C-alpha atoms as a PDB file:
ATOM      1  CA  MET A   1      79.830  67.641  -9.399  1.00  0.00           C
ATOM      2  CA  VAL A   2      79.988  67.869  -5.477  1.00  0.00           C
ATOM      3  CA  HIS A   3      76.839  67.287  -3.106  1.00  0.00           C
ATOM      4  CA  ASP A   4      77.190  67.911   0.807  1.00  0.00           C
ATOM      5  CA  ILE A   5      74.904  66.210   3.228  1.00  0.00           C
ATOM      6  CA  SER A   6      74.863  66.849   6.964  1.00  0.00           C
ATOM      7  CA  ARG A   7      78.686  65.825   7.371  1.00  0.00           C
ATOM      8  CA  TYR A   8      78.342  63.392   4.264  1.00  0.00           C
ATOM      9  CA  HIS A   9      80.490  64.663   1.258  1.00  0.00           C
ATOM     10  CA  TYR A  10      80.069  62.698  -2.590  1.00  0.00           C
ATOM     11  CA  ARG A  11      82.271  63.780  -5.319  1.00  0.00           C
ATOM     12  CA  GLY A  12      81.499  62.070  -8.615  1.00  0.00           C
ATOM     13  CA  LEU A  13      84.499  62.270 -11.483  1.00  0.00           C
ATOM     14  CA  ARG A  14      82.297  61.444 -13.754  1.00  0.00           C
ATOM     15  CA  GLU A  15      78.868  60.268 -15.040  1.00  0.00           C
ATOM     16  CA  LEU A  16      78.828  56.121 -14.907  1.00  0.00           C
ATOM     17  CA  SER A  17      77.334  54.162 -17.336  1.00  0.00           C
ATOM     18  CA  ILE A  18      75.336  51.235 -14.925  1.00  0.00           C
ATOM     19  CA  LEU A  19      75.616  48.193 -17.005  1.00  0.00           C
ATOM     20  CA  PRO A  20      75.158  44.890 -16.251  1.00  0.00           C
ATOM     21  CA  LEU A  21      77.672  42.850 -15.584  1.00  0.00           C
ATOM     22  CA  GLU A  22      76.499  39.907 -18.266  1.00  0.00           C
ATOM     23  CA  GLY A  23      78.744  39.451 -21.409  1.00  0.00           C
ATOM     24  CA  ARG A  24      81.486  41.517 -19.737  1.00  0.00           C
ATOM     25  CA  ALA A  25      83.771  38.995 -18.045  1.00  0.00           C
ATOM     26  CA  PRO A  26      83.325  40.482 -14.584  1.00  0.00           C
ATOM     27  CA  GLU A  27      85.806  37.838 -12.942  1.00  0.00           C
ATOM     28  CA  VAL A  28      88.536  39.122 -14.537  1.00  0.00           C
ATOM     29  CA  THR A  29      88.368  42.481 -12.829  1.00  0.00           C
ATOM     30  CA  LEU A  30      87.092  40.569  -9.570  1.00  0.00           C
ATOM     31  CA  GLY A  31      90.684  38.774  -9.993  1.00  0.00           C
ATOM     32  CA  ARG A  32      92.720  41.532 -10.634  1.00  0.00           C
ATOM     33  CA  GLY A  33      91.328  44.286  -8.076  1.00  0.00           C
ATOM     34  CA  ILE A  34      91.713  41.284  -5.202  1.00  0.00           C
ATOM     35  CA  ARG A  35      95.301  41.201  -6.431  1.00  0.00           C
ATOM     36  CA  ILE A  36      96.320  44.842  -6.399  1.00  0.00           C
ATOM     37  CA  LEU A  37      94.051  44.250  -2.314  1.00  0.00           C
ATOM     38  CA  ASN A  38      96.367  41.583  -1.139  1.00  0.00           C
ATOM     39  CA  ALA A  39      99.528  43.661  -2.218  1.00  0.00           C
ATOM     40  CA  LEU A  40      98.694  46.325  -0.042  1.00  0.00           C
ATOM     41  CA  ARG A  41     100.108  46.643   3.212  1.00  0.00           C
ATOM     42  CA  CYS A  42      99.041  48.813   6.397  1.00  0.00           C
ATOM     43  CA  GLY A  43     100.701  50.872   9.184  1.00  0.00           C
ATOM     44  CA  GLU A  44     104.101  50.437  10.991  1.00  0.00           C
ATOM     45  CA  THR A  45     103.717  46.299  11.095  1.00  0.00           C
ATOM     46  CA  ARG A  46     102.947  46.766   7.419  1.00  0.00           C
ATOM     47  CA  GLN A  47      99.845  43.837   7.902  1.00  0.00           C
ATOM     48  CA  ALA A  48      97.325  43.270   5.338  1.00  0.00           C
ATOM     49  CA  LEU A  49      94.570  44.889   4.476  1.00  0.00           C
ATOM     50  CA  ALA A  50      91.484  43.991   6.087  1.00  0.00           C
ATOM     51  CA  TRP A  51      88.647  43.119   2.431  1.00  0.00           C
ATOM     52  CA  TRP A  52      85.946  40.788   2.089  1.00  0.00           C
ATOM     53  CA  ILE A  53      83.030  41.009  -0.115  1.00  0.00           C
ATOM     54  CA  GLY A  54      80.130  42.435   0.319  1.00  0.00           C
ATOM     55  CA  VAL A  55      76.620  43.204  -0.694  1.00  0.00           C
ATOM     56  CA  GLY A  56      75.050  41.768  -4.691  1.00  0.00           C
ATOM     57  CA  THR A  57      78.531  40.013  -4.855  1.00  0.00           C
ATOM     58  CA  ALA A  58      78.570  38.334  -1.680  1.00  0.00           C
ATOM     59  CA  LEU A  59      74.993  37.939  -2.234  1.00  0.00           C
ATOM     60  CA  GLY A  60      75.718  36.035  -5.631  1.00  0.00           C
ATOM     61  CA  PHE A  61      78.593  34.085  -4.436  1.00  0.00           C
ATOM     62  CA  SER A  62      76.554  32.413  -1.646  1.00  0.00           C
ATOM     63  CA  ARG A  63      73.093  32.251  -3.700  1.00  0.00           C
ATOM     64  CA  ASP A  64      73.632  32.136  -7.288  1.00  0.00           C
ATOM     65  CA  SER A  65      77.029  30.174  -7.637  1.00  0.00           C
ATOM     66  CA  GLY A  66      78.289  33.630  -8.883  1.00  0.00           C
ATOM     67  CA  PHE A  67      76.933  37.327  -9.580  1.00  0.00           C
ATOM     68  CA  ILE A  68      73.908  37.805  -9.462  1.00  0.00           C
ATOM     69  CA  PRO A  69      71.848  38.083 -12.651  1.00  0.00           C
ATOM     70  CA  GLY A  70      71.147  42.272 -13.158  1.00  0.00           C
ATOM     71  CA  ASP A  71      74.007  42.853 -10.922  1.00  0.00           C
ATOM     72  CA  THR A  72      75.802  45.840 -12.493  1.00  0.00           C
ATOM     73  CA  ASP A  73      79.238  46.154 -10.120  1.00  0.00           C
ATOM     74  CA  ILE A  74      81.507  44.515  -8.326  1.00  0.00           C
ATOM     75  CA  ASP A  75      80.999  44.617  -3.965  1.00  0.00           C
ATOM     76  CA  ILE A  76      84.677  44.965  -2.068  1.00  0.00           C
ATOM     77  CA  ARG A  77      84.745  45.885   1.766  1.00  0.00           C
ATOM     78  CA  VAL A  78      87.388  47.132   3.900  1.00  0.00           C
ATOM     79  CA  ALA A  79      88.158  47.943   6.967  1.00  0.00           C
ATOM     80  CA  ALA A  80      89.796  51.133   8.677  1.00  0.00           C
ATOM     81  CA  ASP A  81      89.884  52.561  12.170  1.00  0.00           C
ATOM     82  CA  PHE A  82      87.728  55.762  12.650  1.00  0.00           C
ATOM     83  CA  THR A  83      89.667  56.980  15.590  1.00  0.00           C
ATOM     84  CA  HIS A  84      92.615  57.226  12.517  1.00  0.00           C
ATOM     85  CA  ALA A  85      91.451  60.261  10.357  1.00  0.00           C
ATOM     86  CA  GLU A  86      94.296  60.598   8.595  1.00  0.00           C
ATOM     87  CA  ALA A  87      95.372  57.614   7.597  1.00  0.00           C
ATOM     88  CA  ALA A  88      92.404  56.135   6.980  1.00  0.00           C
ATOM     89  CA  ARG A  89      92.628  59.161   4.192  1.00  0.00           C
ATOM     90  CA  ASP A  90      96.112  58.092   3.300  1.00  0.00           C
ATOM     91  CA  LEU A  91      94.802  54.273   2.980  1.00  0.00           C
ATOM     92  CA  MET A  92      92.078  55.326   0.443  1.00  0.00           C
ATOM     93  CA  ALA A  93      95.143  57.173  -1.295  1.00  0.00           C
ATOM     94  CA  ARG A  94      97.275  54.030  -1.622  1.00  0.00           C
ATOM     95  CA  ILE A  95      94.174  52.749  -2.708  1.00  0.00           C
ATOM     96  CA  ILE A  96      93.808  54.658  -5.823  1.00  0.00           C
ATOM     97  CA  GLN A  97      96.805  55.241  -6.457  1.00  0.00           C
ATOM     98  CA  ALA A  98      97.570  51.018  -6.797  1.00  0.00           C
ATOM     99  CA  PHE A  99      94.612  50.839  -8.694  1.00  0.00           C
ATOM    100  CA  GLY A 100      95.407  53.567 -11.228  1.00  0.00           C
ATOM    101  CA  ARG A 101      99.003  51.893 -11.755  1.00  0.00           C
ATOM    102  CA  GLU A 102      96.429  48.742 -13.024  1.00  0.00           C
ATOM    103  CA  GLY A 103      94.334  50.840 -15.512  1.00  0.00           C
ATOM    104  CA  PHE A 104      91.457  51.001 -12.932  1.00  0.00           C
ATOM    105  CA  LYS A 105      90.039  54.787 -13.374  1.00  0.00           C
ATOM    106  CA  LEU A 106      88.432  56.617 -10.044  1.00  0.00           C
ATOM    107  CA  VAL A 107      84.699  57.351 -11.109  1.00  0.00           C
ATOM    108  CA  ARG A 108      83.626  58.644  -7.226  1.00  0.00           C
ATOM    109  CA  GLU A 109      84.454  58.790  -3.668  1.00  0.00           C
ATOM    110  CA  THR A 110      82.275  59.870  -0.699  1.00  0.00           C
ATOM    111  CA  TYR A 111      83.376  60.915   2.728  1.00  0.00           C
ATOM    112  CA  TRP A 112      81.963  61.537   5.992  1.00  0.00           C
ATOM    113  CA  ASP A 113      83.246  63.524   8.384  1.00  0.00           C
ATOM    114  CA  ARG A 114      86.251  63.854   6.460  1.00  0.00           C
ATOM    115  CA  ARG A 115      87.243  59.981   6.451  1.00  0.00           C
ATOM    116  CA  PRO A 116      86.972  57.936   3.053  1.00  0.00           C
ATOM    117  CA  MET A 117      83.451  55.982   2.682  1.00  0.00           C
ATOM    118  CA  GLN A 118      83.497  55.162  -0.928  1.00  0.00           C
ATOM    119  CA  SER A 119      85.762  54.930  -3.729  1.00  0.00           C
ATOM    120  CA  ALA A 120      84.588  53.928  -7.072  1.00  0.00           C
ATOM    121  CA  PHE A 121      86.474  52.430 -10.196  1.00  0.00           C
ATOM    122  CA  ILE A 122      85.930  52.131 -13.244  1.00  0.00           C
ATOM    123  CA  ASP A 123      88.609  48.813 -15.487  1.00  0.00           C
ATOM    124  CA  THR A 124      90.036  49.917 -17.764  1.00  0.00           C
ATOM    125  CA  ARG A 125      91.553  47.350 -19.133  1.00  0.00           C
ATOM    126  CA  ASN A 126      88.510  45.331 -18.943  1.00  0.00           C
ATOM    127  CA  ASN A 127      85.087  46.478 -20.395  1.00  0.00           C
ATOM    128  CA  ASP A 128      84.610  49.506 -18.009  1.00  0.00           C
ATOM    129  CA  VAL A 129      83.469  46.841 -14.810  1.00  0.00           C
ATOM    130  CA  ILE A 130      82.695  48.966 -11.883  1.00  0.00           C
ATOM    131  CA  PHE A 131      84.848  47.943  -8.901  1.00  0.00           C
ATOM    132  CA  ASP A 132      83.002  49.761  -5.635  1.00  0.00           C
ATOM    133  CA  ILE A 133      85.087  49.854  -2.498  1.00  0.00           C
ATOM    134  CA  TYR A 134      83.588  51.035   0.673  1.00  0.00           C
ATOM    135  CA  TYR A 135      85.435  51.331   3.961  1.00  0.00           C
ATOM    136  CA  PHE A 136      83.716  49.945   7.191  1.00  0.00           C
ATOM    137  CA  TYR A 137      84.857  51.668  10.503  1.00  0.00           C
ATOM    138  CA  ARG A 138      85.449  50.568  13.837  1.00  0.00           C
ATOM    139  CA  GLY A 139      85.694  52.593  16.779  1.00  0.00           C
ATOM    140  CA  LEU A 140      82.139  54.227  16.506  1.00  0.00           C
ATOM    141  CA  THR A 141      79.838  51.974  17.915  1.00  0.00           C
ATOM    142  CA  GLU A 142      80.638  48.508  19.679  1.00  0.00           C
ATOM    143  CA  GLY A 143      81.154  44.760  18.004  1.00  0.00           C
ATOM    144  CA  CYS A 144      79.894  46.731  15.031  1.00  0.00           C
ATOM    145  CA  LEU A 145      81.797  48.071  11.726  1.00  0.00           C
ATOM    146  CA  VAL A 146      79.797  51.498  10.167  1.00  0.00           C
ATOM    147  CA  ASN A 147      79.519  53.279   6.934  1.00  0.00           C
ATOM    148  CA  PHE A 148      78.244  55.790   6.216  1.00  0.00           C
ATOM    149  CA  ASN A 149      76.057  57.472   2.788  1.00  0.00           C
ATOM    150  CA  ASP A 150      73.519  59.764   0.890  1.00  0.00           C
ATOM    151  CA  ARG A 151      71.026  57.144   2.471  1.00  0.00           C
ATOM    152  CA  GLY A 152      71.895  56.397   5.858  1.00  0.00           C
ATOM    153  CA  TYR A 153      73.923  54.672   7.641  1.00  0.00           C
ATOM    154  CA  ARG A 154      74.796  50.667   8.352  1.00  0.00           C
ATOM    155  CA  GLU A 155      76.594  48.529  11.382  1.00  0.00           C
ATOM    156  CA  LYS A 156      78.064  45.469  10.250  1.00  0.00           C
ATOM    157  CA  PRO A 157      78.447  42.826  13.265  1.00  0.00           C
ATOM    158  CA  ALA A 158      82.536  42.793  13.574  1.00  0.00           C
ATOM    159  CA  HIS A 159      82.493  39.338  14.109  1.00  0.00           C
ATOM    160  CA  LEU A 160      81.192  38.509  10.189  1.00  0.00           C
ATOM    161  CA  VAL A 161      84.302  40.343   9.232  1.00  0.00           C
ATOM    162  CA  ASP A 162      86.498  39.316  11.580  1.00  0.00           C
ATOM    163  CA  ASN A 163      85.598  35.053  10.860  1.00  0.00           C
ATOM    164  CA  ARG A 164      85.816  35.923   7.008  1.00  0.00           C
ATOM    165  CA  ILE A 165      86.927  32.785   5.355  1.00  0.00           C
ATOM    166  CA  ALA A 166      88.696  32.341   2.294  1.00  0.00           C
ATOM    167  CA  CYS A 167      86.557  30.884  -0.545  1.00  0.00           C
ATOM    168  CA  HIS A 168      87.520  30.078  -4.427  1.00  0.00           C
ATOM    169  CA  TRP A 169      84.996  32.351  -6.801  1.00  0.00           C
ATOM    170  CA  PRO A 170      82.739  30.071  -8.419  1.00  0.00           C
ATOM    171  CA  GLY A 171      83.869  28.202 -11.795  1.00  0.00           C
ATOM    172  CA  HIS A 172      87.757  29.982 -10.775  1.00  0.00           C
ATOM    173  CA  PRO A 173      89.887  28.264  -8.263  1.00  0.00           C
ATOM    174  CA  ASP A 174      92.274  31.154  -9.534  1.00  0.00           C
ATOM    175  CA  ILE A 175      90.203  33.809  -7.923  1.00  0.00           C
ATOM    176  CA  THR A 176      89.977  33.437  -3.832  1.00  0.00           C
ATOM    177  CA  VAL A 177      88.124  36.095  -2.118  1.00  0.00           C
ATOM    178  CA  HIS A 178      87.367  37.176   1.301  1.00  0.00           C
ATOM    179  CA  VAL A 179      83.633  35.974   2.570  1.00  0.00           C
ATOM    180  CA  PRO A 180      81.550  37.434   5.746  1.00  0.00           C
ATOM    181  CA  HIS A 181      81.532  34.206   7.735  1.00  0.00           C
ATOM    182  CA  PRO A 182      78.670  32.410   8.595  1.00  0.00           C
ATOM    183  CA  ILE A 183      77.152  33.897   5.006  1.00  0.00           C
ATOM    184  CA  GLU A 184      73.887  33.215   5.754  1.00  0.00           C
ATOM    185  CA  GLN A 185      74.362  35.700   9.107  1.00  0.00           C
ATOM    186  CA  TYR A 186      75.717  38.199   6.945  1.00  0.00           C
ATOM    187  CA  ASN A 187      72.862  37.865   4.306  1.00  0.00           C
ATOM    188  CA  GLU A 188      70.129  37.912   6.680  1.00  0.00           C
ATOM    189  CA  TRP A 189      71.995  41.548   8.251  1.00  0.00           C
ATOM    190  CA  ARG A 190      72.016  42.746   5.112  1.00  0.00           C
ATOM    191  CA  PHE A 191      69.166  41.659   2.763  1.00  0.00           C
ATOM    192  CA  GLY A 192      66.891  40.163   5.379  1.00  0.00           C
ATOM    193  CA  PRO A 193      65.074  37.182   6.382  1.00  0.00           C
ATOM    194  CA  GLU A 194      63.759  36.841   2.689  1.00  0.00           C
ATOM    195  CA  TRP A 195      67.666  37.336   0.676  1.00  0.00           C
ATOM    196  CA  ARG A 196      67.381  33.795  -0.447  1.00  0.00           C
ATOM    197  CA  ILE A 197      64.202  35.329  -2.892  1.00  0.00           C
ATOM    198  CA  ARG A 198      65.359  36.643  -5.352  1.00  0.00           C
ATOM    199  CA  LYS A 199      63.539  40.418  -5.747  1.00  0.00           C
ATOM    200  CA  LYS A 200      63.598  43.432  -7.751  1.00  0.00           C
ATOM    201  CA  ASN A 201      64.431  46.583  -6.423  1.00  0.00           C
ATOM    202  CA  SER A 202      61.105  48.245  -6.323  1.00  0.00           C
ATOM    203  CA  GLU A 203      59.909  44.908  -4.585  1.00  0.00           C
ATOM    204  CA  LEU A 204      62.177  45.454  -1.655  1.00  0.00           C
ATOM    205  CA  THR A 205      60.249  46.042   1.903  1.00  0.00           C
ATOM    206  CA  GLU A 206      61.820  47.409   5.434  1.00  0.00           C
ATOM    207  CA  LYS A 207      62.839  44.304   6.617  1.00  0.00           C
ATOM    208  CA  ASP A 208      64.996  43.277   3.615  1.00  0.00           C
ATOM    209  CA  LEU A 209      66.360  47.154   4.100  1.00  0.00           C
ATOM    210  CA  LYS A 210      66.731  46.672   8.017  1.00  0.00           C
ATOM    211  CA  CYS A 211      70.718  47.361   8.101  1.00  0.00           C
ATOM    212  CA  ILE A 212      69.958  50.598   6.514  1.00  0.00           C
ATOM    213  CA  ARG A 213      69.555  53.723   9.439  1.00  0.00           C
ATOM    214  CA  PRO A 214      68.559  57.460   8.342  1.00  0.00           C
ATOM    215  CA  LEU A 215      71.515  59.752   8.343  1.00  0.00           C
ATOM    216  CA  PRO A 216      70.828  61.396  11.659  1.00  0.00           C
ATOM    217  CA  ARG A 217      69.819  64.927  12.196  1.00  0.00           C
ATOM    218  CA  GLY A 218      69.722  67.789  14.498  1.00  0.00           C
ATOM    219  CA  THR A 219      71.907  68.967  17.160  1.00  0.00           C
ATOM    220  CA  VAL A 220      73.560  66.923  19.419  1.00  0.00           C
ATOM    221  CA  LEU A 221      74.519  68.057  23.658  1.00  0.00           C
ATOM    222  CA  THR A 222      76.663  67.157  25.963  1.00  0.00           C
ATOM    223  CA  TYR A 223      78.798  68.134  28.468  1.00  0.00           C
ATOM    224  CA  GLY A 224      82.250  67.012  30.653  1.00  0.00           C
ATOM    225  CA  THR A 225      85.051  67.872  31.748  1.00  0.00           C
ATOM    226  CA  PHE A 226      87.288  66.721  30.171  1.00  0.00           C
ATOM    227  CA  ASP A 227      90.585  66.726  32.560  1.00  0.00           C
ATOM    228  CA  LEU A 228      93.264  64.909  31.313  1.00  0.00           C
ATOM    229  CA  PHE A 229      91.860  64.485  28.128  1.00  0.00           C
ATOM    230  CA  HIS A 230      91.723  60.754  26.885  1.00  0.00           C
ATOM    231  CA  VAL A 231      90.445  58.200  24.893  1.00  0.00           C
ATOM    232  CA  GLY A 232      86.807  57.746  26.789  1.00  0.00           C
ATOM    233  CA  HIS A 233      85.844  61.032  26.274  1.00  0.00           C
ATOM    234  CA  ALA A 234      87.444  60.880  22.294  1.00  0.00           C
ATOM    235  CA  ARG A 235      85.684  58.008  21.723  1.00  0.00           C
ATOM    236  CA  LEU A 236      82.215  59.320  23.669  1.00  0.00           C
ATOM    237  CA  LEU A 237      82.323  62.278  21.470  1.00  0.00           C
ATOM    238  CA  ARG A 238      82.543  60.373  18.482  1.00  0.00           C
ATOM    239  CA  ARG A 239      79.184  58.293  19.019  1.00  0.00           C
ATOM    240  CA  ALA A 240      77.762  61.748  19.761  1.00  0.00           C
ATOM    241  CA  ALA A 241      78.270  62.820  17.227  1.00  0.00           C
ATOM    242  CA  MET A 242      76.685  59.847  15.328  1.00  0.00           C
ATOM    243  CA  LEU A 243      73.497  61.025  16.816  1.00  0.00           C
ATOM    244  CA  GLY A 244      73.202  64.269  14.940  1.00  0.00           C
ATOM    245  CA  ASP A 245      74.628  66.663  12.151  1.00  0.00           C
ATOM    246  CA  ARG A 246      76.173  68.863  14.695  1.00  0.00           C
ATOM    247  CA  LEU A 247      77.598  68.650  18.124  1.00  0.00           C
ATOM    248  CA  VAL A 248      77.597  70.734  21.004  1.00  0.00           C
ATOM    249  CA  VAL A 249      79.771  70.371  24.146  1.00  0.00           C
ATOM    250  CA  GLY A 250      79.584  72.180  26.955  1.00  0.00           C
ATOM    251  CA  VAL A 251      82.756  72.186  28.905  1.00  0.00           C
ATOM    252  CA  PRO A 252      82.517  73.518  32.894  1.00  0.00           C
ATOM    253  CA  SER A 253      84.334  76.452  34.526  1.00  0.00           C
ATOM    254  CA  ASP A 254      87.095  76.328  37.013  1.00  0.00           C
ATOM    255  CA  GLU A 255      84.711  77.073  39.147  1.00  0.00           C
ATOM    256  CA  LEU A 256      82.049  75.423  38.694  1.00  0.00           C
ATOM    257  CA  CYS A 257      84.709  72.146  38.954  1.00  0.00           C
ATOM    258  CA  ARG A 258      85.465  73.416  42.649  1.00  0.00           C
ATOM    259  CA  ILE A 259      81.549  74.103  43.612  1.00  0.00           C
ATOM    260  CA  LYS A 260      80.934  70.454  42.081  1.00  0.00           C
ATOM    261  CA  GLY A 261      84.406  69.614  44.568  1.00  0.00           C
ATOM    262  CA  LYS A 262      85.890  68.071  41.384  1.00  0.00           C
ATOM    263  CA  PRO A 263      89.289  68.484  41.173  1.00  0.00           C
ATOM    264  CA  ILE A 264      90.979  69.024  37.913  1.00  0.00           C
ATOM    265  CA  VAL A 265      93.962  69.727  36.624  1.00  0.00           C
ATOM    266  CA  THR A 266      93.601  71.248  33.652  1.00  0.00           C
ATOM    267  CA  PRO A 267      92.529  74.715  33.402  1.00  0.00           C
ATOM    268  CA  GLU A 268      89.026  75.191  31.963  1.00  0.00           C
ATOM    269  CA  ALA A 269      90.331  77.370  28.624  1.00  0.00           C
ATOM    270  CA  GLN A 270      92.655  74.090  27.824  1.00  0.00           C
ATOM    271  CA  ARG A 271      90.125  72.111  28.326  1.00  0.00           C
ATOM    272  CA  ALA A 272      88.237  73.543  26.112  1.00  0.00           C
ATOM    273  CA  GLU A 273      90.840  73.443  23.200  1.00  0.00           C
ATOM    274  CA  VAL A 274      91.080  70.210  23.318  1.00  0.00           C
ATOM    275  CA  VAL A 275      87.539  69.516  23.130  1.00  0.00           C
ATOM    276  CA  ALA A 276      87.277  72.158  20.237  1.00  0.00           C
ATOM    277  CA  SER A 277      90.243  70.703  18.248  1.00  0.00           C
ATOM    278  CA  LEU A 278      88.363  67.724  17.748  1.00  0.00           C
ATOM    279  CA  ASP A 279      87.086  66.914  14.050  1.00  0.00           C
ATOM    280  CA  CYS A 280      83.840  65.410  15.224  1.00  0.00           C
ATOM    281  CA  VAL A 281      82.907  68.296  17.683  1.00  0.00           C
ATOM    282  CA  ASP A 282      81.466  71.718  15.938  1.00  0.00           C
ATOM    283  CA  HIS A 283      81.335  74.325  19.168  1.00  0.00           C
ATOM    284  CA  VAL A 284      82.746  74.157  22.228  1.00  0.00           C
ATOM    285  CA  PHE A 285      81.597  76.298  25.338  1.00  0.00           C
ATOM    286  CA  ILE A 286      82.346  77.307  29.003  1.00  0.00           C
ATOM    287  CA  GLN A 287      79.523  76.111  31.261  1.00  0.00           C
ATOM    288  CA  VAL A 288      79.086  78.243  34.269  1.00  0.00           C
ATOM    289  CA  GLU A 289      76.215  77.383  36.062  1.00  0.00           C
ATOM    290  CA  MET A 290      74.760  73.882  36.911  1.00  0.00           C
ATOM    291  CA  ASP A 291      71.315  73.673  35.742  1.00  0.00           C
ATOM    292  CA  GLN A 292      71.946  75.876  32.143  1.00  0.00           C
ATOM    293  CA  LYS A 293      70.303  72.999  30.637  1.00  0.00           C
ATOM    294  CA  GLU A 294      67.353  74.084  29.401  1.00  0.00           C
ATOM    295  CA  LYS A 295      69.299  77.655  28.370  1.00  0.00           C
ATOM    296  CA  ASP A 296      71.369  75.610  26.391  1.00  0.00           C
ATOM    297  CA  ILE A 297      68.773  73.718  24.214  1.00  0.00           C
ATOM    298  CA  ASP A 298      66.800  76.884  23.569  1.00  0.00           C
ATOM    299  CA  ARG A 299      70.070  78.745  22.564  1.00  0.00           C
ATOM    300  CA  PHE A 300      71.619  75.544  20.667  1.00  0.00           C
ATOM    301  CA  GLU A 301      67.702  74.232  19.626  1.00  0.00           C
ATOM    302  CA  VAL A 302      69.346  70.731  20.701  1.00  0.00           C
ATOM    303  CA  LYS A 303      67.524  67.295  19.521  1.00  0.00           C
ATOM    304  CA  ARG A 304      69.570  65.252  21.610  1.00  0.00           C
ATOM    305  CA  LEU A 305      71.099  65.485  25.051  1.00  0.00           C
ATOM    306  CA  VAL A 306      74.098  62.865  25.594  1.00  0.00           C
ATOM    307  CA  VAL A 307      75.084  61.488  28.841  1.00  0.00           C
ATOM    308  CA  GLY A 308      77.594  58.444  30.309  1.00  0.00           C
ATOM    309  CA  ASP A 309      75.832  55.946  31.093  1.00  0.00           C
ATOM    310  CA  ASP A 310      77.278  55.823  34.777  1.00  0.00           C
ATOM    311  CA  TRP A 311      74.176  58.929  35.021  1.00  0.00           C
ATOM    312  CA  LYS A 312      71.694  56.621  33.800  1.00  0.00           C
ATOM    313  CA  ASP A 313      68.014  57.892  35.022  1.00  0.00           C
ATOM    314  CA  HIS A 314      69.500  60.796  36.981  1.00  0.00           C
ATOM    315  CA  PRO A 315      67.489  63.358  37.933  1.00  0.00           C
ATOM    316  CA  ARG A 316      69.602  66.074  36.658  1.00  0.00           C
ATOM    317  CA  PHE A 317      69.043  64.906  33.091  1.00  0.00           C
ATOM    318  CA  GLU A 318      65.759  63.397  33.355  1.00  0.00           C
ATOM    319  CA  GLN A 319      64.359  66.669  33.826  1.00  0.00           C
ATOM    320  CA  VAL A 320      64.994  67.390  31.166  1.00  0.00           C
ATOM    321  CA  ARG A 321      63.615  64.702  28.205  1.00  0.00           C
ATOM    322  CA  GLY A 322      60.999  66.039  26.606  1.00  0.00           C
ATOM    323  CA  TYR A 323      61.927  69.625  27.105  1.00  0.00           C
ATOM    324  CA  ARG A 324      60.779  70.974  23.951  1.00  0.00           C
ATOM    325  CA  GLY A 325      61.147  67.144  22.388  1.00  0.00           C
ATOM    326  CA  VAL A 326      64.691  66.324  23.828  1.00  0.00           C
ATOM    327  CA  GLU A 327      65.520  63.052  23.542  1.00  0.00           C
ATOM    328  CA  VAL A 328      68.638  62.101  27.024  1.00  0.00           C
ATOM    329  CA  VAL A 329      70.923  59.336  25.065  1.00  0.00           C
ATOM    330  CA  TYR A 330      72.875  57.544  27.773  1.00  0.00           C
ATOM    331  CA  LEU A 331      75.908  55.977  26.069  1.00  0.00           C
ATOM    332  CA  LYS A 332      78.648  53.242  27.786  1.00  0.00           C
ATOM    333  CA  ARG A 333      81.612  54.694  28.881  1.00  0.00           C
ATOM    334  CA  THR A 334      84.693  52.926  27.744  1.00  0.00           C
ATOM    335  CA  PRO A 335      86.185  50.430  30.679  1.00  0.00           C
ATOM    336  CA  GLY A 336      89.360  50.423  32.045  1.00  0.00           C
ATOM    337  CA  VAL A 337      90.211  54.700  31.460  1.00  0.00           C
ATOM    338  CA  SER A 338      89.053  57.787  33.691  1.00  0.00           C
ATOM    339  CA  SER A 339      90.826  60.937  34.418  1.00  0.00           C
ATOM    340  CA  SER A 340      90.212  59.754  37.899  1.00  0.00           C
ATOM    341  CA  LEU A 341      92.728  56.609  37.327  1.00  0.00           C
ATOM    342  CA  LEU A 342      94.735  58.767  35.767  1.00  0.00           C
ATOM    343  CA  ARG A 343      94.917  61.367  38.420  1.00  0.00           C
ATOM    344  CA  GLN A 344      95.466  58.798  41.282  1.00  0.00           C
ATOM    345  CA  HIS A 345      98.652  57.470  38.913  1.00  0.00           C
ATOM    346  CA  LEU A 346     100.203  60.539  38.180  1.00  0.00           C
ATOM    347  CA  GLU A 347      99.739  61.323  42.140  1.00  0.00           C
ATOM    348  CA  GLY A 348     101.553  57.983  42.996  1.00  0.00           C
ATOM    349  CA  ASN A 349      98.493  56.708  44.424  1.00  0.00           C
ATOM    350  CA  SER A 350      98.530  53.759  42.084  1.00  0.00           C
ATOM    351  CA  THR A 351     101.471  50.943  41.654  1.00  0.00           C
ATOM    352  CA  CYS A 352     100.887  50.809  38.072  1.00  0.00           C
ATOM    353  CA  ALA A 353      98.985  52.659  35.364  1.00  0.00           C
ATOM    354  CA  PRO A 354      95.583  52.198  34.304  1.00  0.00           C
ATOM    355  CA  ALA A 355      94.824  49.219  32.216  1.00  0.00           C
ATOM    356  CA  ALA A 356      94.815  50.395  27.968  1.00  0.00           C
ATOM    357  CA  PRO A 357      90.954  50.259  26.786  1.00  0.00           C
ATOM    358  CA  ALA A 358      89.869  47.677  24.597  1.00  0.00           C
ATOM    359  CA  ASP A 359      89.318  48.970  20.750  1.00  0.00           C
ATOM    360  CA  CYS A 360      85.688  49.638  20.064  1.00  0.00           C
END
């Protein structure tokens, strides 16, 4: 069974039996799964996998001294980097392989922009307890880790993950879990200010689900010269893609750059080809007129126009705000890197290369 929702892709490998954890020894599965996660290593540096307990498992740990009564699965979160899609898919494949060797059967997987978002398993050696892994990504929103599903997306404050602490699972000193810290802040982010109050799903309100934002819809339009393509360009385009389900990019022609007085190194066809090679970009066209935004909005049925924040409130972009209901969104540039700095370095006007930008 496969579903496609915007950029979201879901694959259910078999029907799940959603049963309460009570009486099924979920601590056994929790311990088994954690041992597998702790044995995994990431990247060339072979660093330990960044993981933590989440959602109901984290709430049960902090509020109920164990699993929440009526809970149906074990919730684990894993950190990945959105800028390296292939590495994220490789990580998911290694997780699936490692869990498979220990008697866990993959029953569900989901993706966003071809990046893994979920790997759900059942523990065939322990009552088919569900062990549910969600992947949260750095590199999209500054200071946050992001995950998408069919209901929306969540931006988890990164400090809750970066400051996670190791704790014994209540009543099980042999099981050590990684817990978001401070856990009270995590619970309020995930469940709202009344997280200490036990509620049924039917009793949840918007304030209890405030961390879930609707999936973006509609076409996003942005423009850029994208000369000497660098990481700042890639990050802006990925963030722009988050704002809709289709990203269209206008690349100014060489002649238009000459008219603007903007020096370029790379010809228009190559600049457009580089932009089109990004998996977050759906369509690229050559911009030939200075002021063709209204035409492009009409042509591509645009919902949002995205601009770097160095152009904030500029009349050139503000004039189209509200045109056919278009929203203008200004995104923060990546500090410490630009085509101008790179050009200066290449021309020998700088004694050192631009500083490497920090990850978002």
